[in-house]
């Protein structure tokens, strides 16, 4: 029995860690008690809080705690913060049980809780409110997919939303949807997308490109999804006919379908290398394609590309990804017609000429050829993209107007 109990305990510790159960180390309690607590579920939400962290670290003396749901999100935060990570207390999000959260809050006594995007954890929200800790939601949004579910259970979600001291939304549409669900309109302000403020720093920095045939013509597939694989294969074949010197970097959104990707490239005899196995420098001159199967390299892949296709946009179920990311690096952006999850950013880019919709491999390859033949056209698209990023990066300034960073 003792052996069984010990085995179960070790399994729980391995999967959840003690922090999941609300047991915080004495060192963290000592160094980060009475801190501002920011919660970011995973990599996407970490990108939301990075501009907030930069502001707090640069201008405030406040202690900071950051929780994530995933180890991947925590590793990404460490990578992005660099040496500043020593000033931040890192914890894994405790399980959403009221007694665990009550125990955690008594240990750490945070002065403020900031939640990135629409993370509505009932036990956490009720216990934070019970402890009279101000609870703020930033970058809040309600997608088309989830809106119906929220409305269906409005009686429950309205109680959670009304515990918020303030909610800062990405768009007016998000504000209207939150009000319909039960949030108090006087506690909601539209500030834009905080992820865009994170991208703004790319405008003034010299980002280093990956070492895959540097200074050569490169096309990048960013955040590619499984159903877009046939499109990508057709593009590869057409690009080879167009210009055999063009190199391609593929950055899938997820890695669980890479076996299919490799299989399809083998079928067309397309030489490729895998970043995690062979590195980023080309293994030989015949290598035409690099598959980046590691998190955190997408921005570097975009640097100095002649064009980028942003995935998740050819089929409605994916909802799109942030087209402003390559635009912030001066790269002409192309994408499919479906981007409901990124409507505001993508429409802003389209309206200013910083991106263009393509519906087929042939259309995309024609645009790549245009970038090669007409540098002035490429420069104009790049300029429009950069201007869009500057205009859409306003969230931090809006928060400052609202005295968000005052402690």
Protein backbone atom coordinates (compact mmCIF):
# COMPACT_ATOMS: atom_id res chain seq x y z
CA UNK A 1 0.00 0.00 0.00
CA UNK A 2 2.82 2.39 0.92
CA UNK A 3 4.58 1.56 -2.34
CA UNK A 4 1.37 2.19 -4.29
CA UNK A 5 0.82 5.53 -2.54
CA UNK A 6 4.42 6.52 -3.27
CA UNK A 7 4.01 5.60 -6.94
CA UNK A 8 0.82 7.63 -7.28
CA UNK A 9 2.46 10.59 -5.55
CA UNK A 10 5.46 10.48 -7.90
CA UNK A 11 3.16 10.26 -10.91
CA UNK A 12 1.18 13.29 -9.73
CA UNK A 13 4.39 15.17 -9.08
CA UNK A 14 5.78 14.32 -12.51
CA UNK A 15 2.62 15.29 -14.38
CA UNK A 16 1.41 18.23 -12.36
CA UNK A 17 4.30 19.25 -10.11
CA UNK A 18 3.59 20.35 -6.56
CA UNK A 19 2.69 23.84 -7.78
CA UNK A 20 -0.38 22.39 -9.50
CA UNK A 21 -1.50 21.33 -6.04
CA UNK A 22 -0.87 24.78 -4.62
CA UNK A 23 2.40 23.99 -2.86
CA UNK A 24 4.78 26.88 -3.55
CA UNK A 25 8.46 26.74 -2.63
CA UNK A 26 9.59 28.81 0.33
CA UNK A 27 12.01 30.71 -1.93
CA UNK A 28 9.22 31.83 -4.26
CA UNK A 29 7.02 32.77 -1.32
CA UNK A 30 9.83 34.86 0.14
CA UNK A 31 10.83 36.59 -3.09
CA UNK A 32 7.44 37.06 -4.71
CA UNK A 33 4.93 37.57 -1.95
CA UNK A 34 2.59 40.53 -2.56
CA UNK A 35 3.43 40.54 -6.27
CA UNK A 36 1.43 41.40 -9.36
CA UNK A 37 0.32 38.05 -10.79
CA UNK A 38 -0.02 37.63 -14.57
CA UNK A 39 -1.52 34.46 -16.02
CA UNK A 40 -0.79 33.30 -19.59
CA UNK A 41 -2.14 29.88 -20.57
CA UNK A 42 0.50 28.99 -23.15
CA UNK A 43 2.69 30.41 -25.93
CA UNK A 44 0.00 32.59 -27.53
CA UNK A 45 -0.96 34.20 -24.25
CA UNK A 46 2.70 34.68 -23.29
CA UNK A 47 2.99 36.90 -26.35
CA UNK A 48 0.08 38.93 -24.93
CA UNK A 49 1.72 39.61 -21.58
CA UNK A 50 5.25 40.27 -22.88
CA UNK A 51 4.55 44.00 -23.52
CA UNK A 52 3.05 44.24 -20.00
CA UNK A 53 6.11 42.59 -18.47
CA UNK A 54 8.41 44.92 -20.37
CA UNK A 55 6.51 47.92 -19.02
CA UNK A 56 6.50 46.65 -15.43
CA UNK A 57 10.17 45.70 -15.51
CA UNK A 58 11.25 49.01 -17.05
CA UNK A 59 9.26 51.45 -14.97
CA UNK A 60 8.02 49.74 -11.83
CA UNK A 61 9.58 48.32 -8.71
CA UNK A 62 6.76 45.82 -8.33
CA UNK A 63 7.33 42.13 -7.80
CA UNK A 64 5.97 39.95 -10.59
CA UNK A 65 4.63 36.39 -10.76
CA UNK A 66 3.74 34.71 -14.05
CA UNK A 67 1.77 31.49 -14.23
CA UNK A 68 1.30 29.31 -17.30
CA UNK A 69 -0.82 26.25 -17.95
CA UNK A 70 1.92 24.50 -19.91
CA UNK A 71 5.62 23.78 -19.54
CA UNK A 72 5.98 24.86 -23.18
CA UNK A 73 4.56 28.28 -22.35
CA UNK A 74 6.92 28.64 -19.42
CA UNK A 75 9.97 27.70 -21.53
CA UNK A 76 8.90 30.17 -24.20
CA UNK A 77 8.58 32.92 -21.58
CA UNK A 78 12.07 32.17 -20.27
CA UNK A 79 13.48 32.38 -23.79
CA UNK A 80 11.72 35.67 -24.57
CA UNK A 81 12.58 37.40 -21.28
CA UNK A 82 16.29 36.57 -21.34
CA UNK A 83 18.15 37.97 -18.33
CA UNK A 84 14.97 39.69 -17.06
CA UNK A 85 13.55 36.30 -16.14
CA UNK A 86 15.49 36.44 -12.86
CA UNK A 87 13.12 39.20 -11.72
CA UNK A 88 10.01 37.10 -12.37
CA UNK A 89 8.54 34.35 -10.23
CA UNK A 90 7.46 31.45 -12.45
CA UNK A 91 4.73 29.05 -11.38
CA UNK A 92 2.55 26.49 -13.09
CA UNK A 93 -1.15 27.30 -12.88
CA UNK A 94 -2.70 25.60 -9.84
CA UNK A 95 -5.61 23.23 -10.43
CA UNK A 96 -8.93 25.05 -10.56
CA UNK A 97 -10.22 23.86 -7.18
CA UNK A 98 -11.37 26.40 -4.61
CA UNK A 99 -9.40 25.01 -1.67
CA UNK A 100 -6.16 24.92 -3.71
CA UNK A 101 -6.63 28.52 -4.81
CA UNK A 102 -7.50 29.70 -1.32
CA UNK A 103 -4.30 28.06 -0.06
CA UNK A 104 -2.18 29.58 -2.86
CA UNK A 105 -3.57 33.09 -2.36
CA UNK A 106 -2.91 32.93 1.38
CA UNK A 107 0.70 32.00 0.68
CA UNK A 108 1.48 34.57 -2.03
CA UNK A 109 -1.04 37.36 -1.29
CA UNK A 110 -0.85 38.93 -4.79
CA UNK A 111 -1.80 42.59 -5.03
CA UNK A 112 -3.38 42.23 -8.47
CA UNK A 113 -4.32 39.38 -10.83
CA UNK A 114 -4.05 39.95 -14.60
CA UNK A 115 -5.43 37.25 -16.91
CA UNK A 116 -4.48 37.19 -20.61
CA UNK A 117 -7.38 36.65 -23.01
CA UNK A 118 -10.67 35.07 -22.02
CA UNK A 119 -9.53 32.58 -19.37
CA UNK A 120 -12.56 32.01 -17.16
CA UNK A 121 -11.52 29.61 -14.41
CA UNK A 122 -14.36 29.59 -11.85
CA UNK A 123 -12.48 28.60 -8.69
CA UNK A 124 -9.66 31.01 -9.41
CA UNK A 125 -12.02 33.90 -10.16
CA UNK A 126 -14.25 33.39 -7.14
CA UNK A 127 -11.33 32.93 -4.74
CA UNK A 128 -9.47 35.98 -6.06
CA UNK A 129 -12.65 38.01 -5.62
CA UNK A 130 -13.19 36.51 -2.15
CA UNK A 131 -9.69 37.68 -1.17
CA UNK A 132 -10.48 41.22 -2.44
CA UNK A 133 -7.68 41.06 -5.01
CA UNK A 134 -8.35 43.21 -8.12
CA UNK A 135 -8.89 40.91 -11.12
CA UNK A 136 -8.29 42.29 -14.62
CA UNK A 137 -8.66 40.62 -18.01
CA UNK A 138 -6.53 41.91 -20.89
CA UNK A 139 -6.74 41.21 -24.61
CA UNK A 140 -10.18 39.71 -24.07
CA UNK A 141 -11.99 38.34 -27.08
CA UNK A 142 -14.96 36.12 -27.85
CA UNK A 143 -14.59 34.09 -31.04
CA UNK A 144 -17.45 33.16 -33.35
CA UNK A 145 -16.95 29.52 -32.37
CA UNK A 146 -17.29 30.11 -28.62
CA UNK A 147 -19.88 32.91 -28.60
CA UNK A 148 -22.87 30.55 -28.83
CA UNK A 149 -21.62 28.43 -25.94
CA UNK A 150 -21.09 31.48 -23.75
CA UNK A 151 -24.63 32.68 -24.48
CA UNK A 152 -26.06 29.24 -23.80
CA UNK A 153 -24.57 29.29 -20.29
CA UNK A 154 -24.93 33.02 -19.77
CA UNK A 155 -26.36 32.54 -16.26
CA UNK A 156 -23.00 31.06 -15.19
CA UNK A 157 -20.48 33.10 -17.18
CA UNK A 158 -22.13 36.40 -16.28
CA UNK A 159 -21.32 35.70 -12.62
CA UNK A 160 -17.65 35.20 -13.50
CA UNK A 161 -17.43 38.29 -15.70
CA UNK A 162 -19.01 40.48 -13.04
CA UNK A 163 -16.18 39.62 -10.64
CA UNK A 164 -13.75 41.46 -12.93
CA UNK A 165 -12.54 44.90 -11.89
CA UNK A 166 -11.83 45.72 -15.53
CA UNK A 167 -11.89 44.00 -18.93
CA UNK A 168 -9.79 45.30 -21.83
CA UNK A 169 -10.92 43.94 -25.20
CA UNK A 170 -9.31 43.68 -28.61
CA UNK A 171 -12.27 45.11 -30.54
CA UNK A 172 -15.66 46.74 -30.25
CA UNK A 173 -17.24 43.46 -31.36
CA UNK A 174 -15.59 41.65 -28.46
CA UNK A 175 -16.93 44.28 -26.07
CA UNK A 176 -20.47 43.90 -27.41
CA UNK A 177 -20.31 40.13 -27.09
CA UNK A 178 -19.05 40.29 -23.51
CA UNK A 179 -21.86 42.68 -22.59
CA UNK A 180 -24.38 40.29 -24.17
CA UNK A 181 -22.95 37.46 -22.06
CA UNK A 182 -23.34 39.50 -18.88
CA UNK A 183 -20.28 41.70 -18.35
CA UNK A 184 -20.87 45.22 -17.05
CA UNK A 185 -20.33 47.70 -19.94
CA UNK A 186 -18.84 50.38 -17.67
CA UNK A 187 -16.04 47.95 -16.80
CA UNK A 188 -15.03 47.28 -20.42
CA UNK A 189 -12.64 49.29 -22.61
CA UNK A 190 -11.48 48.60 -26.17
CA UNK A 191 -7.70 48.96 -26.49
CA UNK A 192 -6.72 46.78 -29.47
CA UNK A 193 -4.51 43.70 -29.50
CA UNK A 194 -1.58 43.59 -27.05
CA UNK A 195 0.23 41.12 -29.29
CA UNK A 196 0.64 43.94 -31.76
CA UNK A 197 2.55 45.98 -29.18
CA UNK A 198 4.92 43.05 -28.82
CA UNK A 199 5.48 43.16 -32.57
CA UNK A 200 6.09 46.91 -32.57
CA UNK A 201 9.54 46.44 -31.05
CA UNK A 202 10.52 44.49 -34.17
CA UNK A 203 10.19 47.71 -36.17
CA UNK A 204 13.19 49.27 -34.44
CA UNK A 205 15.27 46.15 -33.85
CA UNK A 206 17.60 44.23 -36.09
CA UNK A 207 16.20 40.71 -35.96
CA UNK A 208 18.60 37.92 -36.79
CA UNK A 209 17.54 35.56 -39.55
CA UNK A 210 17.97 31.81 -39.30
CA UNK A 211 21.14 30.41 -40.89
CA UNK A 212 19.37 28.64 -43.73
CA UNK A 213 20.99 29.98 -46.92
CA UNK A 214 21.22 33.54 -45.59
CA UNK A 215 21.09 36.33 -48.16
CA UNK A 216 19.27 34.07 -50.62
CA UNK A 217 15.69 34.25 -51.86
CA UNK A 218 13.49 32.53 -49.27
CA UNK A 219 9.76 31.89 -49.10
CA UNK A 220 8.25 31.11 -45.68
CA UNK A 221 5.17 29.11 -44.75
CA UNK A 222 4.22 30.28 -41.26
CA UNK A 223 1.84 28.46 -38.90
CA UNK A 224 0.94 25.91 -41.58
CA UNK A 225 -1.95 23.54 -40.80
CA UNK A 226 -2.46 19.89 -41.90
CA UNK A 227 -5.19 20.49 -44.50
CA UNK A 228 -2.93 23.08 -46.17
CA UNK A 229 -0.30 20.45 -46.98
CA UNK A 230 -1.51 19.80 -50.58
CA UNK A 231 -1.40 23.55 -51.24
CA UNK A 232 2.17 23.73 -49.93
CA UNK A 233 3.31 20.70 -51.98
CA UNK A 234 1.91 22.25 -55.13
CA UNK A 235 3.65 25.54 -54.34
CA UNK A 236 6.97 23.72 -53.87
CA UNK A 237 6.64 22.05 -57.24
CA UNK A 238 5.76 25.29 -59.01
CA UNK A 239 8.51 27.27 -57.28
CA UNK A 240 11.08 24.71 -58.41
CA UNK A 241 9.99 25.30 -62.02
CA UNK A 242 9.90 29.06 -61.53
CA UNK A 243 13.35 29.41 -59.97
CA UNK A 244 15.40 26.47 -58.71
CA UNK A 245 17.42 28.82 -56.47
CA UNK A 246 14.46 29.69 -54.23
CA UNK A 247 14.64 28.19 -50.75
CA UNK A 248 11.61 27.42 -48.60
CA UNK A 249 11.21 27.45 -44.81
CA UNK A 250 8.20 25.61 -43.38
CA UNK A 251 7.05 26.42 -39.83
CA UNK A 252 4.05 24.21 -38.93
CA UNK A 253 1.69 25.44 -36.24
CA UNK A 254 1.80 22.03 -34.55
CA UNK A 255 4.15 19.10 -35.00
CA UNK A 256 1.89 16.05 -34.66
CA UNK A 257 1.38 15.75 -38.42
CA UNK A 258 4.99 16.12 -39.58
CA UNK A 259 5.23 12.47 -40.67
CA UNK A 260 2.62 13.23 -43.35
CA UNK A 261 4.55 16.32 -44.41
CA UNK A 262 7.81 14.39 -44.80
CA UNK A 263 6.05 11.60 -46.66
CA UNK A 264 4.55 14.01 -49.19
CA UNK A 265 7.89 15.72 -49.83
CA UNK A 266 9.54 12.33 -50.33
CA UNK A 267 6.92 11.54 -52.97
CA UNK A 268 7.92 14.56 -55.05
CA UNK A 269 11.66 14.01 -54.44
CA UNK A 270 12.07 17.36 -52.72
CA UNK A 271 15.30 17.51 -50.66
CA UNK A 272 14.68 18.84 -47.17
CA UNK A 273 16.25 18.97 -43.76
CA UNK A 274 14.78 19.00 -40.27
CA UNK A 275 15.90 21.74 -37.89
CA UNK A 276 15.91 19.61 -34.72
CA UNK A 277 18.01 16.89 -36.35
CA UNK A 278 20.33 18.72 -38.73
CA UNK A 279 20.33 22.30 -37.48
CA UNK A 280 19.53 25.45 -39.41
CA UNK A 281 22.62 25.71 -41.60
CA UNK A 282 22.12 23.86 -44.92
CA UNK A 283 23.55 20.34 -44.96
CA UNK A 284 24.25 20.59 -48.71
CA UNK A 285 23.60 22.80 -51.70
CA UNK A 286 20.78 20.56 -52.93
CA UNK A 287 18.67 21.17 -49.86
CA UNK A 288 15.73 23.31 -50.95
CA UNK A 289 13.49 23.10 -47.90
CA UNK A 290 13.93 23.54 -44.15
CA UNK A 291 11.27 22.22 -41.79
CA UNK A 292 11.35 24.06 -38.45
CA UNK A 293 10.01 21.54 -35.93
CA UNK A 294 10.82 23.65 -32.85
CA UNK A 295 8.94 26.43 -31.09
CA UNK A 296 10.25 29.98 -31.03
CA UNK A 297 11.85 30.33 -34.48
CA UNK A 298 8.99 31.70 -36.58
CA UNK A 299 10.02 35.36 -36.33
CA UNK A 300 13.60 34.55 -37.28
CA UNK A 301 12.33 32.49 -40.21
CA UNK A 302 10.42 35.50 -41.54
CA UNK A 303 13.44 37.83 -41.46
CA UNK A 304 14.55 38.85 -44.98
CA UNK A 305 12.07 36.53 -46.70
CA UNK A 306 10.86 37.62 -50.13
CA UNK A 307 7.33 36.64 -49.17
CA UNK A 308 5.41 34.77 -46.49
CA UNK A 309 2.26 32.68 -46.58
CA UNK A 310 0.47 32.75 -43.23
CA UNK A 311 -1.29 29.44 -42.62
CA UNK A 312 -4.56 28.54 -40.98
CA UNK A 313 -6.29 30.71 -43.59
CA UNK A 314 -7.29 28.33 -46.39
CA UNK A 315 -10.00 26.54 -44.41
CA UNK A 316 -12.67 27.97 -42.14
CA UNK A 317 -12.04 25.66 -39.17
CA UNK A 318 -8.60 27.11 -38.39
CA UNK A 319 -9.58 30.76 -38.12
CA UNK A 320 -6.25 32.21 -39.26
CA UNK A 321 -3.08 33.43 -37.54
CA UNK A 322 -1.49 36.83 -37.00
CA UNK A 323 -0.46 38.27 -40.35
CA UNK A 324 1.08 41.31 -38.67
CA UNK A 325 4.03 39.20 -37.48
CA UNK A 326 5.76 38.95 -40.88
CA UNK A 327 4.54 42.45 -41.77
CA UNK A 328 6.40 43.84 -38.74
CA UNK A 329 9.59 42.44 -40.27
CA UNK A 330 8.98 44.10 -43.63
CA UNK A 331 7.90 40.90 -45.39
CA UNK A 332 5.11 40.94 -48.02
CA UNK A 333 2.26 38.87 -46.58
CA UNK A 334 -0.07 36.47 -48.38
CA UNK A 335 -2.84 34.37 -46.89
CA UNK A 336 -6.06 32.55 -47.65
CA UNK A 337 -9.60 33.98 -47.39
CA UNK A 338 -10.50 32.60 -43.95
CA UNK A 339 -9.26 34.53 -40.89
CA UNK A 340 -12.19 35.04 -38.53
CA UNK A 341 -9.98 34.59 -35.46
CA UNK A 342 -7.72 37.40 -36.72
CA UNK A 343 -10.33 39.59 -38.37
CA UNK A 344 -9.27 43.02 -37.08
CA UNK A 345 -5.55 42.62 -37.75
CA UNK A 346 -5.94 40.99 -41.15
CA UNK A 347 -8.56 43.45 -42.40
CA UNK A 348 -6.35 46.34 -41.28
CA UNK A 349 -3.45 44.88 -43.24
CA UNK A 350 -5.57 44.18 -46.32
CA UNK A 351 -7.13 47.64 -46.33
CA UNK A 352 -3.71 49.31 -46.32
CA UNK A 353 -2.18 47.04 -48.95
CA UNK A 354 0.18 45.17 -46.63
CA UNK A 355 -1.21 41.75 -47.49
CA UNK A 356 -3.15 39.97 -50.20
CA UNK A 357 -5.52 37.02 -50.34
CA UNK A 358 -4.49 34.04 -52.48
CA UNK A 359 -6.87 31.16 -53.17
CA UNK A 360 -4.56 28.68 -54.86
CA UNK A 361 -0.95 27.61 -55.21
CA UNK A 362 -0.83 29.14 -58.68
CA UNK A 363 -1.95 32.52 -57.34
CA UNK A 364 0.65 32.46 -54.57
CA UNK A 365 3.50 31.48 -56.90
CA UNK A 366 2.47 34.29 -59.27
CA UNK A 367 2.80 36.74 -56.36
CA UNK A 368 6.22 35.34 -55.44
CA UNK A 369 7.32 35.82 -59.04
CA UNK A 370 6.07 39.41 -58.88
CA UNK A 371 8.19 40.01 -55.76
CA UNK A 372 11.24 38.73 -57.66
CA UNK A 373 10.63 40.70 -60.85
CA UNK A 374 9.43 43.99 -59.39
CA UNK A 375 11.41 45.07 -56.30
CA UNK A 376 9.49 48.35 -56.15
CA UNK A 377 6.21 46.46 -55.70
CA UNK A 378 7.75 44.36 -52.93
CA UNK A 379 9.05 47.52 -51.23
CA UNK A 380 5.61 49.17 -51.38
CA UNK A 381 3.85 46.16 -49.83
CA UNK A 382 6.50 46.01 -47.12
CA UNK A 383 6.06 49.71 -46.38
CA UNK A 384 2.28 49.32 -46.10
CA UNK A 385 2.72 46.39 -43.73
CA UNK A 386 5.12 48.30 -41.48
CA UNK A 387 2.77 51.30 -41.35
CA UNK A 388 -0.12 49.00 -40.39
CA UNK A 389 1.83 47.54 -37.50
CA UNK A 390 2.61 51.03 -36.21
CA UNK A 391 -1.05 52.06 -36.38
CA UNK A 392 -2.40 48.87 -34.80
CA UNK A 393 0.12 48.86 -31.92
CA UNK A 394 -1.75 51.08 -29.49
CA UNK A 395 -2.80 48.85 -26.59
CA UNK A 396 -0.02 49.81 -24.15
CA UNK A 397 -0.68 53.52 -24.68
CA UNK A 398 -4.39 52.95 -24.04
CA UNK A 399 -3.58 51.08 -20.82
CA UNK A 400 -1.33 53.92 -19.69
CA UNK A 401 -4.17 56.39 -20.25
CA UNK A 402 -6.26 54.23 -17.93
CA UNK A 403 -3.52 54.22 -15.24
CA UNK A 404 -3.21 50.45 -15.62
CA UNK A 405 0.39 50.35 -14.46
CA UNK A 406 -0.17 52.44 -11.34
CA UNK A 407 0.23 50.31 -8.22
